[in-house]
Full PDB file with SEQRES, HELIX, SHEET, SSBOND, CRYST1, ORIGX, SCALE, CONECT and MASTER records, all heavy atoms in Angstrom:
SEQRES   1 A   29  LEU PHE GLN LYS TYR PHE TYR LEU THR TYR THR GLN GLY          
SEQRES   2 A   29  VAL MET MET TYR GLU ILE ARG LYS LEU MET ASN ILE GLN          
SEQRES   3 A   29  ALA GLN PRO                                                  
HELIX    1 AA1 MET A   16  MET A   23  1                                   8    
CRYST1    1.000    1.000    1.000  90.00  90.00  90.00 P 1           1          
ORIGX1      1.000000  0.000000  0.000000        0.00000                         
ORIGX2      0.000000  1.000000  0.000000        0.00000                         
ORIGX3      0.000000  0.000000  1.000000        0.00000                         
SCALE1      1.000000  0.000000  0.000000        0.00000                         
SCALE2      0.000000  1.000000  0.000000        0.00000                         
SCALE3      0.000000  0.000000  1.000000        0.00000                         
ATOM      1  N   LEU A   1       8.212  30.808   9.343  1.00  0.00           N  
ATOM      2  CA  LEU A   1       8.416  32.237   9.099  1.00  0.00           C  
ATOM      3  C   LEU A   1       8.832  32.529   7.664  1.00  0.00           C  
ATOM      4  O   LEU A   1       8.722  33.670   7.202  1.00  0.00           O  
ATOM      5  CB  LEU A   1       9.489  32.777  10.057  1.00  0.00           C  
ATOM      6  CG  LEU A   1       9.117  32.800  11.550  1.00  0.00           C  
ATOM      7  CD1 LEU A   1      10.321  33.246  12.372  1.00  0.00           C  
ATOM      8  CD2 LEU A   1       7.931  33.731  11.786  1.00  0.00           C  
ATOM      9  N   PHE A   2       9.300  31.507   6.970  1.00  0.00           N  
ATOM     10  CA  PHE A   2       9.888  31.743   5.656  1.00  0.00           C  
ATOM     11  C   PHE A   2       9.011  31.303   4.485  1.00  0.00           C  
ATOM     12  O   PHE A   2       9.005  31.937   3.436  1.00  0.00           O  
ATOM     13  CB  PHE A   2      11.248  31.036   5.564  1.00  0.00           C  
ATOM     14  CG  PHE A   2      12.204  31.463   6.640  1.00  0.00           C  
ATOM     15  CD1 PHE A   2      12.397  30.675   7.765  1.00  0.00           C  
ATOM     16  CD2 PHE A   2      12.893  32.656   6.554  1.00  0.00           C  
ATOM     17  CE1 PHE A   2      13.266  31.063   8.772  1.00  0.00           C  
ATOM     18  CE2 PHE A   2      13.766  33.064   7.553  1.00  0.00           C  
ATOM     19  CZ  PHE A   2      13.956  32.264   8.665  1.00  0.00           C  
ATOM     20  N   GLN A   3       8.258  30.207   4.632  1.00  0.00           N  
ATOM     21  CA  GLN A   3       7.482  29.732   3.502  1.00  0.00           C  
ATOM     22  C   GLN A   3       6.373  28.786   3.929  1.00  0.00           C  
ATOM     23  O   GLN A   3       6.281  28.382   5.095  1.00  0.00           O  
ATOM     24  CB  GLN A   3       8.384  29.039   2.477  1.00  0.00           C  
ATOM     25  CG  GLN A   3       8.890  27.673   2.903  1.00  0.00           C  
ATOM     26  CD  GLN A   3       9.661  26.989   1.792  1.00  0.00           C  
ATOM     27  OE1 GLN A   3      10.871  27.068   1.763  1.00  0.00           O  
ATOM     28  NE2 GLN A   3       8.953  26.331   0.889  1.00  0.00           N  
ATOM     29  N   LYS A   4       5.548  28.437   2.949  1.00  0.00           N  
ATOM     30  CA  LYS A   4       4.469  27.483   3.153  1.00  0.00           C  
ATOM     31  C   LYS A   4       4.911  26.149   2.566  1.00  0.00           C  
ATOM     32  O   LYS A   4       5.590  26.100   1.529  1.00  0.00           O  
ATOM     33  CB  LYS A   4       3.195  27.963   2.467  1.00  0.00           C  
ATOM     34  CG  LYS A   4       1.987  27.069   2.684  1.00  0.00           C  
ATOM     35  CD  LYS A   4       0.738  27.640   2.031  1.00  0.00           C  
ATOM     36  CE  LYS A   4       0.215  28.825   2.798  1.00  0.00           C  
ATOM     37  NZ  LYS A   4      -1.110  29.278   2.287  1.00  0.00           N  
ATOM     38  N   TYR A   5       4.516  25.065   3.232  1.00  0.00           N  
ATOM     39  CA  TYR A   5       4.879  23.720   2.785  1.00  0.00           C  
ATOM     40  C   TYR A   5       3.611  22.945   2.435  1.00  0.00           C  
ATOM     41  O   TYR A   5       2.567  23.088   3.084  1.00  0.00           O  
ATOM     42  CB  TYR A   5       5.650  22.975   3.875  1.00  0.00           C  
ATOM     43  CG  TYR A   5       6.910  23.696   4.319  1.00  0.00           C  
ATOM     44  CD1 TYR A   5       6.874  24.589   5.388  1.00  0.00           C  
ATOM     45  CD2 TYR A   5       8.119  23.490   3.664  1.00  0.00           C  
ATOM     46  CE1 TYR A   5       8.018  25.267   5.792  1.00  0.00           C  
ATOM     47  CE2 TYR A   5       9.265  24.156   4.054  1.00  0.00           C  
ATOM     48  CZ  TYR A   5       9.218  25.047   5.120  1.00  0.00           C  
ATOM     49  OH  TYR A   5      10.356  25.728   5.513  1.00  0.00           O  
ATOM     50  N   PHE A   6       3.731  22.087   1.407  1.00  0.00           N  
ATOM     51  CA  PHE A   6       2.598  21.282   0.957  1.00  0.00           C  
ATOM     52  C   PHE A   6       2.986  19.802   0.970  1.00  0.00           C  
ATOM     53  O   PHE A   6       4.086  19.441   0.548  1.00  0.00           O  
ATOM     54  CB  PHE A   6       2.186  21.681  -0.462  1.00  0.00           C  
ATOM     55  CG  PHE A   6       1.697  23.099  -0.578  1.00  0.00           C  
ATOM     56  CD1 PHE A   6       2.574  24.125  -0.897  1.00  0.00           C  
ATOM     57  CD2 PHE A   6       0.363  23.403  -0.345  1.00  0.00           C  
ATOM     58  CE1 PHE A   6       2.135  25.439  -0.999  1.00  0.00           C  
ATOM     59  CE2 PHE A   6      -0.089  24.717  -0.450  1.00  0.00           C  
ATOM     60  CZ  PHE A   6       0.799  25.734  -0.771  1.00  0.00           C  
ATOM     61  N   TYR A   7       2.060  18.963   1.461  1.00  0.00           N  
ATOM     62  CA  TYR A   7       2.303  17.520   1.526  1.00  0.00           C  
ATOM     63  C   TYR A   7       1.095  16.774   0.954  1.00  0.00           C  
ATOM     64  O   TYR A   7      -0.056  17.194   1.140  1.00  0.00           O  
ATOM     65  CB  TYR A   7       2.547  17.074   2.968  1.00  0.00           C  
ATOM     66  CG  TYR A   7       3.730  17.764   3.613  1.00  0.00           C  
ATOM     67  CD1 TYR A   7       3.544  18.903   4.405  1.00  0.00           C  
ATOM     68  CD2 TYR A   7       5.025  17.297   3.418  1.00  0.00           C  
ATOM     69  CE1 TYR A   7       4.626  19.547   4.981  1.00  0.00           C  
ATOM     70  CE2 TYR A   7       6.114  17.937   3.998  1.00  0.00           C  
ATOM     71  CZ  TYR A   7       5.911  19.063   4.777  1.00  0.00           C  
ATOM     72  OH  TYR A   7       6.977  19.703   5.344  1.00  0.00           O  
ATOM     73  N   LEU A   8       1.376  15.672   0.283  1.00  0.00           N  
ATOM     74  CA  LEU A   8       0.329  14.797  -0.239  1.00  0.00           C  
ATOM     75  C   LEU A   8       0.460  13.442   0.438  1.00  0.00           C  
ATOM     76  O   LEU A   8       1.552  12.857   0.474  1.00  0.00           O  
ATOM     77  CB  LEU A   8       0.460  14.650  -1.759  1.00  0.00           C  
ATOM     78  CG  LEU A   8       0.136  15.910  -2.570  1.00  0.00           C  
ATOM     79  CD1 LEU A   8       0.610  15.770  -4.005  1.00  0.00           C  
ATOM     80  CD2 LEU A   8      -1.354  16.208  -2.530  1.00  0.00           C  
ATOM     81  N   THR A   9      -0.637  12.939   0.974  1.00  0.00           N  
ATOM     82  CA  THR A   9      -0.624  11.680   1.704  1.00  0.00           C  
ATOM     83  C   THR A   9      -1.565  10.679   1.045  1.00  0.00           C  
ATOM     84  O   THR A   9      -2.726  11.007   0.767  1.00  0.00           O  
ATOM     85  CB  THR A   9      -1.057  11.894   3.165  1.00  0.00           C  
ATOM     86  OG1 THR A   9      -0.188  12.858   3.776  1.00  0.00           O  
ATOM     87  CG2 THR A   9      -0.983  10.586   3.946  1.00  0.00           C  
ATOM     88  N   TYR A  10      -1.059   9.476   0.822  1.00  0.00           N  
ATOM     89  CA  TYR A  10      -1.902   8.419   0.258  1.00  0.00           C  
ATOM     90  C   TYR A  10      -2.953   8.000   1.283  1.00  0.00           C  
ATOM     91  O   TYR A  10      -2.699   7.983   2.490  1.00  0.00           O  
ATOM     92  CB  TYR A  10      -1.052   7.216  -0.140  1.00  0.00           C  
ATOM     93  CG  TYR A  10      -0.097   7.502  -1.280  1.00  0.00           C  
ATOM     94  CD1 TYR A  10       1.283   7.413  -1.104  1.00  0.00           C  
ATOM     95  CD2 TYR A  10      -0.573   7.847  -2.543  1.00  0.00           C  
ATOM     96  CE1 TYR A  10       2.164   7.677  -2.139  1.00  0.00           C  
ATOM     97  CE2 TYR A  10       0.303   8.110  -3.592  1.00  0.00           C  
ATOM     98  CZ  TYR A  10       1.669   8.033  -3.389  1.00  0.00           C  
ATOM     99  OH  TYR A  10       2.533   8.297  -4.414  1.00  0.00           O  
ATOM    100  N   THR A  11      -4.127   7.634   0.784  1.00  0.00           N  
ATOM    101  CA  THR A  11      -5.242   7.324   1.681  1.00  0.00           C  
ATOM    102  C   THR A  11      -5.907   5.984   1.396  1.00  0.00           C  
ATOM    103  O   THR A  11      -6.792   5.576   2.144  1.00  0.00           O  
ATOM    104  CB  THR A  11      -6.325   8.411   1.578  1.00  0.00           C  
ATOM    105  OG1 THR A  11      -6.839   8.441   0.224  1.00  0.00           O  
ATOM    106  CG2 THR A  11      -5.767   9.782   1.935  1.00  0.00           C  
ATOM    107  N   GLN A  12      -5.489   5.294   0.330  1.00  0.00           N  
ATOM    108  CA  GLN A  12      -6.166   4.056  -0.039  1.00  0.00           C  
ATOM    109  C   GLN A  12      -5.168   2.930  -0.288  1.00  0.00           C  
ATOM    110  O   GLN A  12      -4.012   3.163  -0.672  1.00  0.00           O  
ATOM    111  CB  GLN A  12      -7.003   4.253  -1.310  1.00  0.00           C  
ATOM    112  CG  GLN A  12      -8.169   5.210  -1.139  1.00  0.00           C  
ATOM    113  CD  GLN A  12      -9.008   5.321  -2.398  1.00  0.00           C  
ATOM    114  OE1 GLN A  12      -8.507   5.130  -3.502  1.00  0.00           O  
ATOM    115  NE2 GLN A  12     -10.291   5.602  -2.233  1.00  0.00           N  
ATOM    116  N   GLY A  13      -5.628   1.695  -0.067  1.00  0.00           N  
ATOM    117  CA  GLY A  13      -4.771   0.542  -0.308  1.00  0.00           C  
ATOM    118  C   GLY A  13      -5.567  -0.751  -0.300  1.00  0.00           C  
ATOM    119  O   GLY A  13      -6.761  -0.770   0.010  1.00  0.00           O  
ATOM    120  N   VAL A  14      -4.882  -1.811  -0.652  1.00  0.00           N  
ATOM    121  CA  VAL A  14      -5.439  -3.167  -0.592  1.00  0.00           C  
ATOM    122  C   VAL A  14      -4.501  -3.988   0.270  1.00  0.00           C  
ATOM    123  O   VAL A  14      -3.280  -4.012   0.029  1.00  0.00           O  
ATOM    124  CB  VAL A  14      -5.562  -3.802  -1.991  1.00  0.00           C  
ATOM    125  CG1 VAL A  14      -6.100  -5.226  -1.885  1.00  0.00           C  
ATOM    126  CG2 VAL A  14      -6.461  -2.956  -2.889  1.00  0.00           C  
ATOM    127  N   MET A  15      -5.033  -4.637   1.296  1.00  0.00           N  
ATOM    128  CA  MET A  15      -4.189  -5.419   2.190  1.00  0.00           C  
ATOM    129  C   MET A  15      -3.447  -6.494   1.408  1.00  0.00           C  
ATOM    130  O   MET A  15      -4.010  -7.132   0.518  1.00  0.00           O  
ATOM    131  CB  MET A  15      -5.029  -6.057   3.292  1.00  0.00           C  
ATOM    132  CG  MET A  15      -5.750  -5.042   4.183  1.00  0.00           C  
ATOM    133  SD  MET A  15      -4.629  -3.873   4.995  1.00  0.00           S  
ATOM    134  CE  MET A  15      -3.669  -4.983   6.029  1.00  0.00           C  
ATOM    135  N   MET A  16      -2.181  -6.719   1.773  1.00  0.00           N  
ATOM    136  CA  MET A  16      -1.371  -7.673   1.027  1.00  0.00           C  
ATOM    137  C   MET A  16      -1.868  -9.105   1.188  1.00  0.00           C  
ATOM    138  O   MET A  16      -1.666  -9.936   0.298  1.00  0.00           O  
ATOM    139  CB  MET A  16       0.093  -7.567   1.441  1.00  0.00           C  
ATOM    140  CG  MET A  16       0.889  -6.504   0.696  1.00  0.00           C  
ATOM    141  SD  MET A  16       0.834  -6.652  -1.122  1.00  0.00           S  
ATOM    142  CE  MET A  16       1.375  -8.334  -1.378  1.00  0.00           C  
ATOM    143  N   TYR A  17      -2.541  -9.424   2.288  1.00  0.00           N  
ATOM    144  CA  TYR A  17      -3.066 -10.786   2.401  1.00  0.00           C  
ATOM    145  C   TYR A  17      -4.178 -11.015   1.381  1.00  0.00           C  
ATOM    146  O   TYR A  17      -4.421 -12.152   0.962  1.00  0.00           O  
ATOM    147  CB  TYR A  17      -3.514 -11.094   3.830  1.00  0.00           C  
ATOM    148  CG  TYR A  17      -4.597 -10.216   4.412  1.00  0.00           C  
ATOM    149  CD1 TYR A  17      -5.930 -10.339   4.033  1.00  0.00           C  
ATOM    150  CD2 TYR A  17      -4.274  -9.269   5.385  1.00  0.00           C  
ATOM    151  CE1 TYR A  17      -6.920  -9.535   4.585  1.00  0.00           C  
ATOM    152  CE2 TYR A  17      -5.255  -8.465   5.941  1.00  0.00           C  
ATOM    153  CZ  TYR A  17      -6.569  -8.600   5.535  1.00  0.00           C  
ATOM    154  OH  TYR A  17      -7.547  -7.800   6.085  1.00  0.00           O  
ATOM    155  N   GLU A  18      -4.841  -9.932   0.941  1.00  0.00           N  
ATOM    156  CA  GLU A  18      -5.841 -10.061  -0.117  1.00  0.00           C  
ATOM    157  C   GLU A  18      -5.165 -10.217  -1.481  1.00  0.00           C  
ATOM    158  O   GLU A  18      -5.614 -11.002  -2.325  1.00  0.00           O  
ATOM    159  CB  GLU A  18      -6.769  -8.850  -0.130  1.00  0.00           C  
ATOM    160  CG  GLU A  18      -7.568  -8.648   1.148  1.00  0.00           C  
ATOM    161  CD  GLU A  18      -8.684  -9.672   1.314  1.00  0.00           C  
ATOM    162  OE1 GLU A  18      -8.804 -10.584   0.461  1.00  0.00           O  
ATOM    163  OE2 GLU A  18      -9.436  -9.574   2.299  1.00  0.00           O  
ATOM    164  N   ILE A  19      -4.088  -9.466  -1.693  1.00  0.00           N  
ATOM    165  CA  ILE A  19      -3.340  -9.591  -2.943  1.00  0.00           C  
ATOM    166  C   ILE A  19      -2.742 -10.982  -3.067  1.00  0.00           C  
ATOM    167  O   ILE A  19      -2.725 -11.579  -4.151  1.00  0.00           O  
ATOM    168  CB  ILE A  19      -2.224  -8.523  -3.024  1.00  0.00           C  
ATOM    169  CG1 ILE A  19      -2.829  -7.117  -3.026  1.00  0.00           C  
ATOM    170  CG2 ILE A  19      -1.354  -8.737  -4.254  1.00  0.00           C  
ATOM    171  CD1 ILE A  19      -3.662  -6.790  -4.242  1.00  0.00           C  
ATOM    172  N   ARG A  20      -2.279 -11.527  -1.940  1.00  0.00           N  
ATOM    173  CA  ARG A  20      -1.709 -12.878  -1.964  1.00  0.00           C  
ATOM    174  C   ARG A  20      -2.753 -13.896  -2.427  1.00  0.00           C  
ATOM    175  O   ARG A  20      -2.440 -14.807  -3.210  1.00  0.00           O  
ATOM    176  CB  ARG A  20      -1.181 -13.259  -0.579  1.00  0.00           C  
ATOM    177  CG  ARG A  20      -0.565 -14.640  -0.539  1.00  0.00           C  
ATOM    178  CD  ARG A  20       0.135 -14.923   0.756  1.00  0.00           C  
ATOM    179  NE  ARG A  20       0.848 -16.183   0.706  1.00  0.00           N  
ATOM    180  CZ  ARG A  20       1.710 -16.592   1.622  1.00  0.00           C  
ATOM    181  NH1 ARG A  20       1.977 -15.818   2.657  1.00  0.00           N  
ATOM    182  NH2 ARG A  20       2.312 -17.748   1.508  1.00  0.00           N  
ATOM    183  N   LYS A  21      -3.980 -13.738  -1.968  1.00  0.00           N  
ATOM    184  CA  LYS A  21      -5.043 -14.638  -2.427  1.00  0.00           C  
ATOM    185  C   LYS A  21      -5.250 -14.504  -3.927  1.00  0.00           C  
ATOM    186  O   LYS A  21      -5.439 -15.496  -4.639  1.00  0.00           O  
ATOM    187  CB  LYS A  21      -6.345 -14.333  -1.692  1.00  0.00           C  
ATOM    188  CG  LYS A  21      -6.320 -14.605  -0.201  1.00  0.00           C  
ATOM    189  CD  LYS A  21      -7.627 -14.151   0.440  1.00  0.00           C  
ATOM    190  CE  LYS A  21      -7.590 -14.224   1.954  1.00  0.00           C  
ATOM    191  NZ  LYS A  21      -8.837 -13.680   2.556  1.00  0.00           N  
ATOM    192  N   LEU A  22      -5.225 -13.264  -4.419  1.00  0.00           N  
ATOM    193  CA  LEU A  22      -5.429 -13.028  -5.852  1.00  0.00           C  
ATOM    194  C   LEU A  22      -4.292 -13.609  -6.688  1.00  0.00           C  
ATOM    195  O   LEU A  22      -4.504 -14.025  -7.825  1.00  0.00           O  
ATOM    196  CB  LEU A  22      -5.560 -11.527  -6.125  1.00  0.00           C  
ATOM    197  CG  LEU A  22      -6.777 -10.827  -5.513  1.00  0.00           C  
ATOM    198  CD1 LEU A  22      -6.716  -9.328  -5.801  1.00  0.00           C  
ATOM    199  CD2 LEU A  22      -8.075 -11.419  -6.048  1.00  0.00           C  
ATOM    200  N   MET A  23      -3.087 -13.636  -6.139  1.00  0.00           N  
ATOM    201  CA  MET A  23      -1.948 -14.192  -6.879  1.00  0.00           C  
ATOM    202  C   MET A  23      -2.039 -15.709  -6.988  1.00  0.00           C  
ATOM    203  O   MET A  23      -1.453 -16.313  -7.896  1.00  0.00           O  
ATOM    204  CB  MET A  23      -0.628 -13.784  -6.213  1.00  0.00           C  
ATOM    205  CG  MET A  23      -0.330 -12.300  -6.337  1.00  0.00           C  
ATOM    206  SD  MET A  23       1.350 -11.823  -5.850  1.00  0.00           S  
ATOM    207  CE  MET A  23       1.321 -12.155  -4.079  1.00  0.00           C  
ATOM    208  N   ASN A  24      -2.729 -16.330  -6.024  1.00  0.00           N  
ATOM    209  CA  ASN A  24      -2.964 -17.775  -6.067  1.00  0.00           C  
ATOM    210  C   ASN A  24      -1.652 -18.555  -6.178  1.00  0.00           C  
ATOM    211  O   ASN A  24      -1.528 -19.497  -6.976  1.00  0.00           O  
ATOM    212  CB  ASN A  24      -3.898 -18.138  -7.231  1.00  0.00           C  
ATOM    213  CG  ASN A  24      -4.466 -19.545  -7.098  1.00  0.00           C  
ATOM    214  OD1 ASN A  24      -4.595 -20.071  -5.995  1.00  0.00           O  
ATOM    215  ND2 ASN A  24      -4.787 -20.157  -8.227  1.00  0.00           N  
ATOM    216  N   ILE A  25      -0.682 -18.170  -5.370  1.00  0.00           N  
ATOM    217  CA  ILE A  25       0.613 -18.860  -5.349  1.00  0.00           C  
ATOM    218  C   ILE A  25       0.593 -19.907  -4.254  1.00  0.00           C  
ATOM    219  O   ILE A  25       0.233 -19.610  -3.108  1.00  0.00           O  
ATOM    220  CB  ILE A  25       1.766 -17.871  -5.089  1.00  0.00           C  
ATOM    221  CG1 ILE A  25       1.821 -16.821  -6.212  1.00  0.00           C  
ATOM    222  CG2 ILE A  25       3.106 -18.600  -4.988  1.00  0.00           C  
ATOM    223  CD1 ILE A  25       2.826 -15.724  -5.943  1.00  0.00           C  
ATOM    224  N   GLN A  26       0.972 -21.121  -4.584  1.00  0.00           N  
ATOM    225  CA  GLN A  26       1.037 -22.164  -3.576  1.00  0.00           C  
ATOM    226  C   GLN A  26       2.154 -21.850  -2.588  1.00  0.00           C  
ATOM    227  O   GLN A  26       3.217 -21.347  -2.958  1.00  0.00           O  
ATOM    228  CB  GLN A  26       1.284 -23.524  -4.226  1.00  0.00           C  
ATOM    229  CG  GLN A  26       0.130 -24.018  -5.089  1.00  0.00           C  
ATOM    230  CD  GLN A  26       0.376 -25.428  -5.601  1.00  0.00           C  
ATOM    231  OE1 GLN A  26       1.447 -25.985  -5.425  1.00  0.00           O  
ATOM    232  NE2 GLN A  26      -0.638 -25.991  -6.223  1.00  0.00           N  
ATOM    233  N   ALA A  27       1.900 -22.124  -1.333  1.00  0.00           N  
ATOM    234  CA  ALA A  27       2.898 -21.870  -0.290  1.00  0.00           C  
ATOM    235  C   ALA A  27       4.167 -22.639  -0.577  1.00  0.00           C  
ATOM    236  O   ALA A  27       4.138 -23.807  -0.981  1.00  0.00           O  
ATOM    237  CB  ALA A  27       2.342 -22.257   1.077  1.00  0.00           C  
ATOM    238  N   GLN A  28       5.317 -21.975  -0.368  1.00  0.00           N  
ATOM    239  CA  GLN A  28       6.594 -22.635  -0.588  1.00  0.00           C  
ATOM    240  C   GLN A  28       6.874 -23.601   0.555  1.00  0.00           C  
ATOM    241  O   GLN A  28       6.740 -23.246   1.728  1.00  0.00           O  
ATOM    242  CB  GLN A  28       7.719 -21.599  -0.673  1.00  0.00           C  
ATOM    243  CG  GLN A  28       7.554 -20.614  -1.815  1.00  0.00           C  
ATOM    244  CD  GLN A  28       8.750 -19.690  -1.935  1.00  0.00           C  
ATOM    245  OE1 GLN A  28       9.757 -20.059  -2.514  1.00  0.00           O  
ATOM    246  NE2 GLN A  28       8.644 -18.500  -1.381  1.00  0.00           N  
ATOM    247  N   PRO A  29       7.263 -24.829   0.233  1.00  0.00           N  
ATOM    248  CA  PRO A  29       7.537 -25.798   1.291  1.00  0.00           C  
ATOM    249  C   PRO A  29       8.759 -25.397   2.104  1.00  0.00           C  
ATOM    250  O   PRO A  29       9.732 -24.879   1.573  1.00  0.00           O  
ATOM    251  CB  PRO A  29       7.797 -27.100   0.519  1.00  0.00           C  
ATOM    252  CG  PRO A  29       8.256 -26.655  -0.834  1.00  0.00           C  
ATOM    253  CD  PRO A  29       7.500 -25.388  -1.121  1.00  0.00           C  
TER     254      PRO A  29                                                      
MASTER        0    0    0    1    0    0    0    6  253    1    0    3          
END                                                                             
């Protein structure tokens, strides 16, 4: 009744398991 509200929502991403591959870090023992 008092005002209009505006929201922005992110829509894109890269799965972290893909980023982990790109980082090429050896698994910690």
